[in-house]
């Protein structure tokens, strides 16, 4: 648990330092591929600068990672936040801003729901069943394409990585998921999410429009492993908030 808390704190600092958990370079999401689909994907900006990724789960609610709303341990005010929606290229699309005081964090996962004015986007379907070991999933984000100064290599276009879910007791995942928590651990297949991908969707792989939102990405080692909060475990909370 201590290791996991440290991971989340360090990830939050990427918005300031750009040096989170930078280990030996990966194949240089890092090493992923350009996405051709992702209408529900949302880019989060802080003070006009790229910060995190999110997912439109209704026409007025975005889900992302809670740690994206803290800089150096201090909360980020709503007025500093904006979201780019409706395009895979953040230089296009539409900007929406949070409705004041309408963000709600989960008590059991690194997840935040944020209410915004109505968006003209396709929303993500929520998974109702748990992920399983061996399942191949796809993670999306506009984050870093390099290690080191991750702020200097944020992607202007949506990218994706392919990952495989592993057992929660897999010894390789020690420190990446908390026993009894709502995170699941994934092993790199192609590409690995990094700084700026935090909060982004982890989706099932299927025909366009049939994929479901399985998780909210919240950390990686930049080489082999990544973790995400599981949507199915937070489904009741998500539905209770988004129906308000």
C-alpha atoms as a PDB file:
ATOM      1  CA  UNK A   1       0.000   0.000   0.000  1.00  0.00           C
ATOM      2  CA  UNK A   2       2.859   2.392   0.814  1.00  0.00           C
ATOM      3  CA  UNK A   3       4.392   1.715  -2.580  1.00  0.00           C
ATOM      4  CA  UNK A   4       1.090   2.379  -4.345  1.00  0.00           C
ATOM      5  CA  UNK A   5       0.524   5.672  -2.521  1.00  0.00           C
ATOM      6  CA  UNK A   6       4.014   6.770  -3.474  1.00  0.00           C
ATOM      7  CA  UNK A   7       3.327   5.904  -7.114  1.00  0.00           C
ATOM      8  CA  UNK A   8       0.175   8.038  -7.163  1.00  0.00           C
ATOM      9  CA  UNK A   9       1.894  10.988  -5.494  1.00  0.00           C
ATOM     10  CA  UNK A  10       4.747  10.874  -7.975  1.00  0.00           C
ATOM     11  CA  UNK A  11       2.369  10.646 -10.917  1.00  0.00           C
ATOM     12  CA  UNK A  12       0.603  13.776  -9.745  1.00  0.00           C
ATOM     13  CA  UNK A  13       3.902  15.635  -9.796  1.00  0.00           C
ATOM     14  CA  UNK A  14       4.323  15.064 -13.532  1.00  0.00           C
ATOM     15  CA  UNK A  15       2.103  18.088 -14.112  1.00  0.00           C
ATOM     16  CA  UNK A  16       4.855  20.210 -12.566  1.00  0.00           C
ATOM     17  CA  UNK A  17       8.136  18.370 -12.894  1.00  0.00           C
ATOM     18  CA  UNK A  18       7.647  16.144 -15.928  1.00  0.00           C
ATOM     19  CA  UNK A  19       9.957  13.598 -14.348  1.00  0.00           C
ATOM     20  CA  UNK A  20       7.663  11.013 -12.822  1.00  0.00           C
ATOM     21  CA  UNK A  21       9.120   7.539 -12.449  1.00  0.00           C
ATOM     22  CA  UNK A  22      11.338   8.057 -15.469  1.00  0.00           C
ATOM     23  CA  UNK A  23      13.299   4.848 -15.738  1.00  0.00           C
ATOM     24  CA  UNK A  24      15.230   3.343 -18.629  1.00  0.00           C
ATOM     25  CA  UNK A  25      13.593   4.317 -21.939  1.00  0.00           C
ATOM     26  CA  UNK A  26      10.859   2.069 -23.245  1.00  0.00           C
ATOM     27  CA  UNK A  27      10.509   1.435 -26.957  1.00  0.00           C
ATOM     28  CA  UNK A  28       9.753   5.136 -27.135  1.00  0.00           C
ATOM     29  CA  UNK A  29       1.122   6.684 -24.740  1.00  0.00           C
ATOM     30  CA  UNK A  30       5.334   5.556 -25.138  1.00  0.00           C
ATOM     31  CA  UNK A  31       5.844   3.216 -28.052  1.00  0.00           C
ATOM     32  CA  UNK A  32       2.124   3.027 -28.779  1.00  0.00           C
ATOM     33  CA  UNK A  33       0.274   3.715 -31.991  1.00  0.00           C
ATOM     34  CA  UNK A  34      -1.871   6.560 -33.278  1.00  0.00           C
ATOM     35  CA  UNK A  35      -5.574   6.063 -32.578  1.00  0.00           C
ATOM     36  CA  UNK A  36      -8.114   6.222 -35.365  1.00  0.00           C
ATOM     37  CA  UNK A  37     -11.121   6.013 -33.057  1.00  0.00           C
ATOM     38  CA  UNK A  38     -12.004   7.310 -29.610  1.00  0.00           C
ATOM     39  CA  UNK A  39     -14.972   9.725 -29.669  1.00  0.00           C
ATOM     40  CA  UNK A  40     -15.374   9.433 -25.879  1.00  0.00           C
ATOM     41  CA  UNK A  41     -11.762  10.401 -25.129  1.00  0.00           C
ATOM     42  CA  UNK A  42     -11.246  13.792 -23.460  1.00  0.00           C
ATOM     43  CA  UNK A  43      -8.066  15.843 -22.966  1.00  0.00           C
ATOM     44  CA  UNK A  44      -7.733  17.681 -19.652  1.00  0.00           C
ATOM     45  CA  UNK A  45      -5.821  20.982 -19.526  1.00  0.00           C
ATOM     46  CA  UNK A  46      -4.633  22.938 -16.491  1.00  0.00           C
ATOM     47  CA  UNK A  47      -3.890  26.623 -17.097  1.00  0.00           C
ATOM     48  CA  UNK A  48      -4.151  25.859 -20.807  1.00  0.00           C
ATOM     49  CA  UNK A  49      -1.419  23.208 -20.693  1.00  0.00           C
ATOM     50  CA  UNK A  50      -1.883  19.475 -21.339  1.00  0.00           C
ATOM     51  CA  UNK A  51      -2.320  17.580 -18.087  1.00  0.00           C
ATOM     52  CA  UNK A  52      -4.370  14.372 -18.107  1.00  0.00           C
ATOM     53  CA  UNK A  53      -6.836  12.336 -20.150  1.00  0.00           C
ATOM     54  CA  UNK A  54     -10.446  11.437 -19.381  1.00  0.00           C
ATOM     55  CA  UNK A  55     -13.569   9.789 -20.756  1.00  0.00           C
ATOM     56  CA  UNK A  56     -17.049  11.150 -21.431  1.00  0.00           C
ATOM     57  CA  UNK A  57     -19.376   8.720 -19.643  1.00  0.00           C
ATOM     58  CA  UNK A  58     -22.508  10.836 -20.202  1.00  0.00           C
ATOM     59  CA  UNK A  59     -23.098  14.004 -22.204  1.00  0.00           C
ATOM     60  CA  UNK A  60     -22.357  16.034 -19.067  1.00  0.00           C
ATOM     61  CA  UNK A  61     -19.980  13.897 -17.001  1.00  0.00           C
ATOM     62  CA  UNK A  62     -16.289  13.144 -17.531  1.00  0.00           C
ATOM     63  CA  UNK A  63     -14.375  10.556 -15.533  1.00  0.00           C
ATOM     64  CA  UNK A  64     -10.635  10.887 -14.971  1.00  0.00           C
ATOM     65  CA  UNK A  65      -8.093  10.322 -12.176  1.00  0.00           C
ATOM     66  CA  UNK A  66      -8.422  12.143  -8.855  1.00  0.00           C
ATOM     67  CA  UNK A  67      -4.706  12.824  -8.648  1.00  0.00           C
ATOM     68  CA  UNK A  68      -4.979  15.020 -11.756  1.00  0.00           C
ATOM     69  CA  UNK A  69      -6.656  17.672  -9.590  1.00  0.00           C
ATOM     70  CA  UNK A  70      -3.659  18.237  -7.306  1.00  0.00           C
ATOM     71  CA  UNK A  71      -0.399  20.058  -7.937  1.00  0.00           C
ATOM     72  CA  UNK A  72       2.320  19.756  -5.308  1.00  0.00           C
ATOM     73  CA  UNK A  73      -0.314  18.474  -2.911  1.00  0.00           C
ATOM     74  CA  UNK A  74      -2.632  21.453  -3.416  1.00  0.00           C
ATOM     75  CA  UNK A  75      -6.057  21.191  -5.104  1.00  0.00           C
ATOM     76  CA  UNK A  76      -6.461  22.758  -8.545  1.00  0.00           C
ATOM     77  CA  UNK A  77      -9.342  25.249  -8.757  1.00  0.00           C
ATOM     78  CA  UNK A  78     -12.136  24.631 -11.246  1.00  0.00           C
ATOM     79  CA  UNK A  79     -11.382  27.894 -13.059  1.00  0.00           C
ATOM     80  CA  UNK A  80      -7.923  26.583 -14.029  1.00  0.00           C
ATOM     81  CA  UNK A  81      -9.305  23.447 -15.693  1.00  0.00           C
ATOM     82  CA  UNK A  82     -10.598  22.899 -19.219  1.00  0.00           C
ATOM     83  CA  UNK A  83     -11.365  19.870 -21.376  1.00  0.00           C
ATOM     84  CA  UNK A  84     -10.952  19.440 -25.126  1.00  0.00           C
ATOM     85  CA  UNK A  85     -13.625  17.188 -26.608  1.00  0.00           C
ATOM     86  CA  UNK A  86     -14.860  16.014 -29.975  1.00  0.00           C
ATOM     87  CA  UNK A  87     -11.562  15.417 -31.786  1.00  0.00           C
ATOM     88  CA  UNK A  88      -8.608  13.020 -31.664  1.00  0.00           C
ATOM     89  CA  UNK A  89      -6.387  16.070 -32.273  1.00  0.00           C
ATOM     90  CA  UNK A  90      -6.427  18.480 -29.306  1.00  0.00           C
ATOM     91  CA  UNK A  91      -5.651  21.375 -31.635  1.00  0.00           C
ATOM     92  CA  UNK A  92      -9.199  20.877 -32.891  1.00  0.00           C
ATOM     93  CA  UNK A  93     -12.426  20.015 -31.123  1.00  0.00           C
ATOM     94  CA  UNK A  94     -14.333  22.036 -28.550  1.00  0.00           C
ATOM     95  CA  UNK A  95     -13.374  23.387 -25.127  1.00  0.00           C
ATOM     96  CA  UNK A  96     -15.678  22.835 -22.160  1.00  0.00           C
ATOM     97  CA  UNK A  97     -15.074  23.857 -18.560  1.00  0.00           C
ATOM     98  CA  UNK A  98     -16.166  22.250 -15.288  1.00  0.00           C
ATOM     99  CA  UNK A  99     -19.334  23.492 -13.694  1.00  0.00           C
ATOM    100  CA  UNK A 100     -18.264  25.126 -10.468  1.00  0.00           C
ATOM    101  CA  UNK A 101     -18.242  22.786  -7.508  1.00  0.00           C
ATOM    102  CA  UNK A 102     -19.562  19.835  -9.508  1.00  0.00           C
ATOM    103  CA  UNK A 103     -16.732  17.346  -9.236  1.00  0.00           C
ATOM    104  CA  UNK A 104     -16.961  14.240  -7.081  1.00  0.00           C
ATOM    105  CA  UNK A 105     -14.120  11.916  -6.113  1.00  0.00           C
ATOM    106  CA  UNK A 106     -14.410   8.242  -5.276  1.00  0.00           C
ATOM    107  CA  UNK A 107     -13.536   7.153  -1.758  1.00  0.00           C
ATOM    108  CA  UNK A 108     -12.301   3.777  -3.018  1.00  0.00           C
ATOM    109  CA  UNK A 109     -10.420   4.499  -6.229  1.00  0.00           C
ATOM    110  CA  UNK A 110      -8.269   7.108  -7.962  1.00  0.00           C
ATOM    111  CA  UNK A 111     -11.287   8.405  -9.894  1.00  0.00           C
ATOM    112  CA  UNK A 112     -12.956  11.784 -10.252  1.00  0.00           C
ATOM    113  CA  UNK A 113     -16.257  12.609 -11.949  1.00  0.00           C
ATOM    114  CA  UNK A 114     -16.563  16.154 -13.305  1.00  0.00           C
ATOM    115  CA  UNK A 115     -19.769  17.763 -14.572  1.00  0.00           C
ATOM    116  CA  UNK A 116     -19.531  20.050 -17.605  1.00  0.00           C
ATOM    117  CA  UNK A 117     -22.011  21.756 -19.968  1.00  0.00           C
ATOM    118  CA  UNK A 118     -23.610  19.349 -22.500  1.00  0.00           C
ATOM    119  CA  UNK A 119     -21.082  17.830 -24.916  1.00  0.00           C
ATOM    120  CA  UNK A 120     -21.867  16.685 -28.453  1.00  0.00           C
ATOM    121  CA  UNK A 121     -19.787  13.529 -28.260  1.00  0.00           C
ATOM    122  CA  UNK A 122     -20.311   9.797 -28.250  1.00  0.00           C
ATOM    123  CA  UNK A 123     -20.156   8.566 -24.682  1.00  0.00           C
ATOM    124  CA  UNK A 124     -18.461   5.410 -23.440  1.00  0.00           C
ATOM    125  CA  UNK A 125     -20.407   2.336 -22.403  1.00  0.00           C
ATOM    126  CA  UNK A 126     -19.589   1.265 -18.860  1.00  0.00           C
ATOM    127  CA  UNK A 127     -18.426  -2.257 -18.137  1.00  0.00           C
ATOM    128  CA  UNK A 128     -20.724  -4.225 -15.853  1.00  0.00           C
ATOM    129  CA  UNK A 129     -18.446  -7.227 -15.371  1.00  0.00           C
ATOM    130  CA  UNK A 130     -14.940  -7.529 -13.954  1.00  0.00           C
ATOM    131  CA  UNK A 131     -11.785  -7.831 -16.029  1.00  0.00           C
ATOM    132  CA  UNK A 132     -10.133 -11.231 -16.037  1.00  0.00           C
ATOM    133  CA  UNK A 133      -6.499 -12.405 -16.172  1.00  0.00           C
ATOM    134  CA  UNK A 134      -5.291 -12.790 -19.732  1.00  0.00           C
ATOM    135  CA  UNK A 135      -7.781 -10.260 -21.101  1.00  0.00           C
ATOM    136  CA  UNK A 136      -6.234  -7.963 -23.712  1.00  0.00           C
ATOM    137  CA  UNK A 137      -7.281  -4.337 -23.332  1.00  0.00           C
ATOM    138  CA  UNK A 138      -6.553  -1.013 -24.978  1.00  0.00           C
ATOM    139  CA  UNK A 139      -5.544   2.178 -23.186  1.00  0.00           C
ATOM    140  CA  UNK A 140      -5.924   5.635 -24.759  1.00  0.00           C
ATOM    141  CA  UNK A 141      -4.300   8.985 -24.037  1.00  0.00           C
ATOM    142  CA  UNK A 142      -2.542  12.129 -25.247  1.00  0.00           C
ATOM    143  CA  UNK A 143       0.349  11.659 -22.845  1.00  0.00           C
ATOM    144  CA  UNK A 144       4.104  11.466 -23.111  1.00  0.00           C
ATOM    145  CA  UNK A 145       5.828   9.716 -25.996  1.00  0.00           C
ATOM    146  CA  UNK A 146       9.213   9.718 -24.237  1.00  0.00           C
ATOM    147  CA  UNK A 147      10.792   9.277 -20.837  1.00  0.00           C
ATOM    148  CA  UNK A 148      12.625  12.058 -19.025  1.00  0.00           C
ATOM    149  CA  UNK A 149      10.923  15.425 -19.506  1.00  0.00           C
ATOM    150  CA  UNK A 150       7.440  14.119 -20.217  1.00  0.00           C
ATOM    151  CA  UNK A 151       5.994  17.626 -20.485  1.00  0.00           C
ATOM    152  CA  UNK A 152       8.168  18.174 -23.555  1.00  0.00           C
ATOM    153  CA  UNK A 153       6.738  15.255 -25.539  1.00  0.00           C
ATOM    154  CA  UNK A 154       2.977  15.275 -24.938  1.00  0.00           C
ATOM    155  CA  UNK A 155       1.181  13.973 -28.008  1.00  0.00           C
ATOM    156  CA  UNK A 156      -1.164  16.363 -29.856  1.00  0.00           C
ATOM    157  CA  UNK A 157      -3.081  13.359 -31.209  1.00  0.00           C
ATOM    158  CA  UNK A 158      -4.724  10.486 -29.372  1.00  0.00           C
ATOM    159  CA  UNK A 159      -2.520   7.427 -28.993  1.00  0.00           C
ATOM    160  CA  UNK A 160      -3.146   3.932 -27.707  1.00  0.00           C
ATOM    161  CA  UNK A 161      -1.319   1.066 -26.082  1.00  0.00           C
ATOM    162  CA  UNK A 162      -2.251  -2.600 -25.859  1.00  0.00           C
ATOM    163  CA  UNK A 163      -1.960  -4.324 -22.490  1.00  0.00           C
ATOM    164  CA  UNK A 164      -2.806  -7.696 -20.947  1.00  0.00           C
ATOM    165  CA  UNK A 165      -4.520  -8.020 -17.564  1.00  0.00           C
ATOM    166  CA  UNK A 166      -2.599 -10.149 -15.061  1.00  0.00           C
ATOM    167  CA  UNK A 167      -3.661 -11.794 -11.819  1.00  0.00           C
ATOM    168  CA  UNK A 168      -3.853  -9.418  -8.830  1.00  0.00           C
ATOM    169  CA  UNK A 169      -1.506 -11.701  -6.898  1.00  0.00           C
ATOM    170  CA  UNK A 170       1.074 -11.794  -9.701  1.00  0.00           C
ATOM    171  CA  UNK A 171       4.377 -11.029  -7.904  1.00  0.00           C
ATOM    172  CA  UNK A 172       5.415  -8.762 -10.769  1.00  0.00           C
ATOM    173  CA  UNK A 173       2.567  -6.441  -9.785  1.00  0.00           C
ATOM    174  CA  UNK A 174       3.684  -5.970  -6.198  1.00  0.00           C
ATOM    175  CA  UNK A 175       3.330  -2.274  -5.404  1.00  0.00           C
ATOM    176  CA  UNK A 176       1.125  -1.514  -8.400  1.00  0.00           C
ATOM    177  CA  UNK A 177      -2.174  -2.667  -6.951  1.00  0.00           C
ATOM    178  CA  UNK A 178      -3.382  -2.723  -3.378  1.00  0.00           C
ATOM    179  CA  UNK A 179      -4.736  -6.025  -1.994  1.00  0.00           C
ATOM    180  CA  UNK A 180      -8.505  -5.745  -1.776  1.00  0.00           C
ATOM    181  CA  UNK A 181      -8.461  -2.468  -3.702  1.00  0.00           C
ATOM    182  CA  UNK A 182     -10.227  -1.604  -6.925  1.00  0.00           C
ATOM    183  CA  UNK A 183      -7.142  -1.436  -9.168  1.00  0.00           C
ATOM    184  CA  UNK A 184      -6.119  -4.074 -11.682  1.00  0.00           C
ATOM    185  CA  UNK A 185      -2.643  -4.616 -13.088  1.00  0.00           C
ATOM    186  CA  UNK A 186      -1.672  -4.877 -16.756  1.00  0.00           C
ATOM    187  CA  UNK A 187       1.423  -6.047 -18.610  1.00  0.00           C
ATOM    188  CA  UNK A 188       2.686  -4.260 -21.714  1.00  0.00           C
ATOM    189  CA  UNK A 189       1.942  -5.854 -25.073  1.00  0.00           C
ATOM    190  CA  UNK A 190       2.545  -2.844 -27.301  1.00  0.00           C
ATOM    191  CA  UNK A 191       3.231   0.610 -25.872  1.00  0.00           C
ATOM    192  CA  UNK A 192       2.947   1.794 -22.267  1.00  0.00           C
ATOM    193  CA  UNK A 193       0.971   4.763 -20.890  1.00  0.00           C
ATOM    194  CA  UNK A 194       2.886   7.552 -19.173  1.00  0.00           C
ATOM    195  CA  UNK A 195       2.496  11.085 -17.790  1.00  0.00           C
ATOM    196  CA  UNK A 196      -0.477  12.866 -19.344  1.00  0.00           C
ATOM    197  CA  UNK A 197      -2.300   9.586 -19.937  1.00  0.00           C
ATOM    198  CA  UNK A 198      -3.458   9.548 -16.305  1.00  0.00           C
ATOM    199  CA  UNK A 199      -7.225   9.270 -16.035  1.00  0.00           C
ATOM    200  CA  UNK A 200      -7.531   7.941 -19.551  1.00  0.00           C
ATOM    201  CA  UNK A 201      -9.799   5.119 -20.660  1.00  0.00           C
ATOM    202  CA  UNK A 202      -8.853   1.467 -20.539  1.00  0.00           C
ATOM    203  CA  UNK A 203     -11.270  -0.145 -22.961  1.00  0.00           C
ATOM    204  CA  UNK A 204     -12.281  -3.618 -24.035  1.00  0.00           C
ATOM    205  CA  UNK A 205     -11.367  -4.449 -27.624  1.00  0.00           C
ATOM    206  CA  UNK A 206     -14.298  -4.896 -29.971  1.00  0.00           C
ATOM    207  CA  UNK A 207     -16.169  -3.383 -32.917  1.00  0.00           C
ATOM    208  CA  UNK A 208     -16.428   0.382 -32.880  1.00  0.00           C
ATOM    209  CA  UNK A 209     -19.238   1.396 -30.594  1.00  0.00           C
ATOM    210  CA  UNK A 210     -19.302  -1.986 -28.874  1.00  0.00           C
ATOM    211  CA  UNK A 211     -16.229  -1.504 -26.668  1.00  0.00           C
ATOM    212  CA  UNK A 212     -16.741  -0.808 -22.959  1.00  0.00           C
ATOM    213  CA  UNK A 213     -14.896   1.299 -20.409  1.00  0.00           C
ATOM    214  CA  UNK A 214     -13.126  -1.176 -18.134  1.00  0.00           C
ATOM    215  CA  UNK A 215     -10.844   1.099 -16.172  1.00  0.00           C
ATOM    216  CA  UNK A 216      -9.352   4.516 -15.467  1.00  0.00           C
ATOM    217  CA  UNK A 217      -5.572   4.500 -15.909  1.00  0.00           C
ATOM    218  CA  UNK A 218      -3.726   5.778 -12.847  1.00  0.00           C
ATOM    219  CA  UNK A 219      -0.064   4.728 -13.010  1.00  0.00           C
ATOM    220  CA  UNK A 220       2.761   2.850 -14.746  1.00  0.00           C
ATOM    221  CA  UNK A 221       6.464   2.105 -14.411  1.00  0.00           C
ATOM    222  CA  UNK A 222       7.044   3.454 -17.967  1.00  0.00           C
ATOM    223  CA  UNK A 223       8.450   0.077 -19.031  1.00  0.00           C
ATOM    224  CA  UNK A 224       6.312  -3.010 -18.449  1.00  0.00           C
ATOM    225  CA  UNK A 225       3.438  -2.499 -16.034  1.00  0.00           C
ATOM    226  CA  UNK A 226       0.421  -0.238 -15.670  1.00  0.00           C
ATOM    227  CA  UNK A 227      -2.547  -0.069 -13.329  1.00  0.00           C
ATOM    228  CA  UNK A 228      -6.101   1.184 -13.555  1.00  0.00           C
ATOM    229  CA  UNK A 229      -9.093   1.612 -11.285  1.00  0.00           C
ATOM    230  CA  UNK A 230     -11.784  -0.876 -12.258  1.00  0.00           C
ATOM    231  CA  UNK A 231     -15.041   0.620 -13.476  1.00  0.00           C
ATOM    232  CA  UNK A 232     -17.175  -2.439 -12.674  1.00  0.00           C
ATOM    233  CA  UNK A 233     -16.202  -2.130  -9.005  1.00  0.00           C
ATOM    234  CA  UNK A 234     -17.153   1.551  -9.028  1.00  0.00           C
ATOM    235  CA  UNK A 235     -20.257   1.232 -11.185  1.00  0.00           C
ATOM    236  CA  UNK A 236     -22.782   1.983  -8.427  1.00  0.00           C
ATOM    237  CA  UNK A 237     -20.858   5.120  -7.437  1.00  0.00           C
ATOM    238  CA  UNK A 238     -20.547   6.306 -11.059  1.00  0.00           C
ATOM    239  CA  UNK A 239     -24.252   5.834 -11.695  1.00  0.00           C
ATOM    240  CA  UNK A 240     -25.287   7.502  -8.447  1.00  0.00           C
ATOM    241  CA  UNK A 241     -23.227  10.617  -9.265  1.00  0.00           C
ATOM    242  CA  UNK A 242     -24.060  10.926 -12.959  1.00  0.00           C
ATOM    243  CA  UNK A 243     -27.806  10.707 -12.293  1.00  0.00           C
ATOM    244  CA  UNK A 244     -27.718  13.879 -10.201  1.00  0.00           C
END
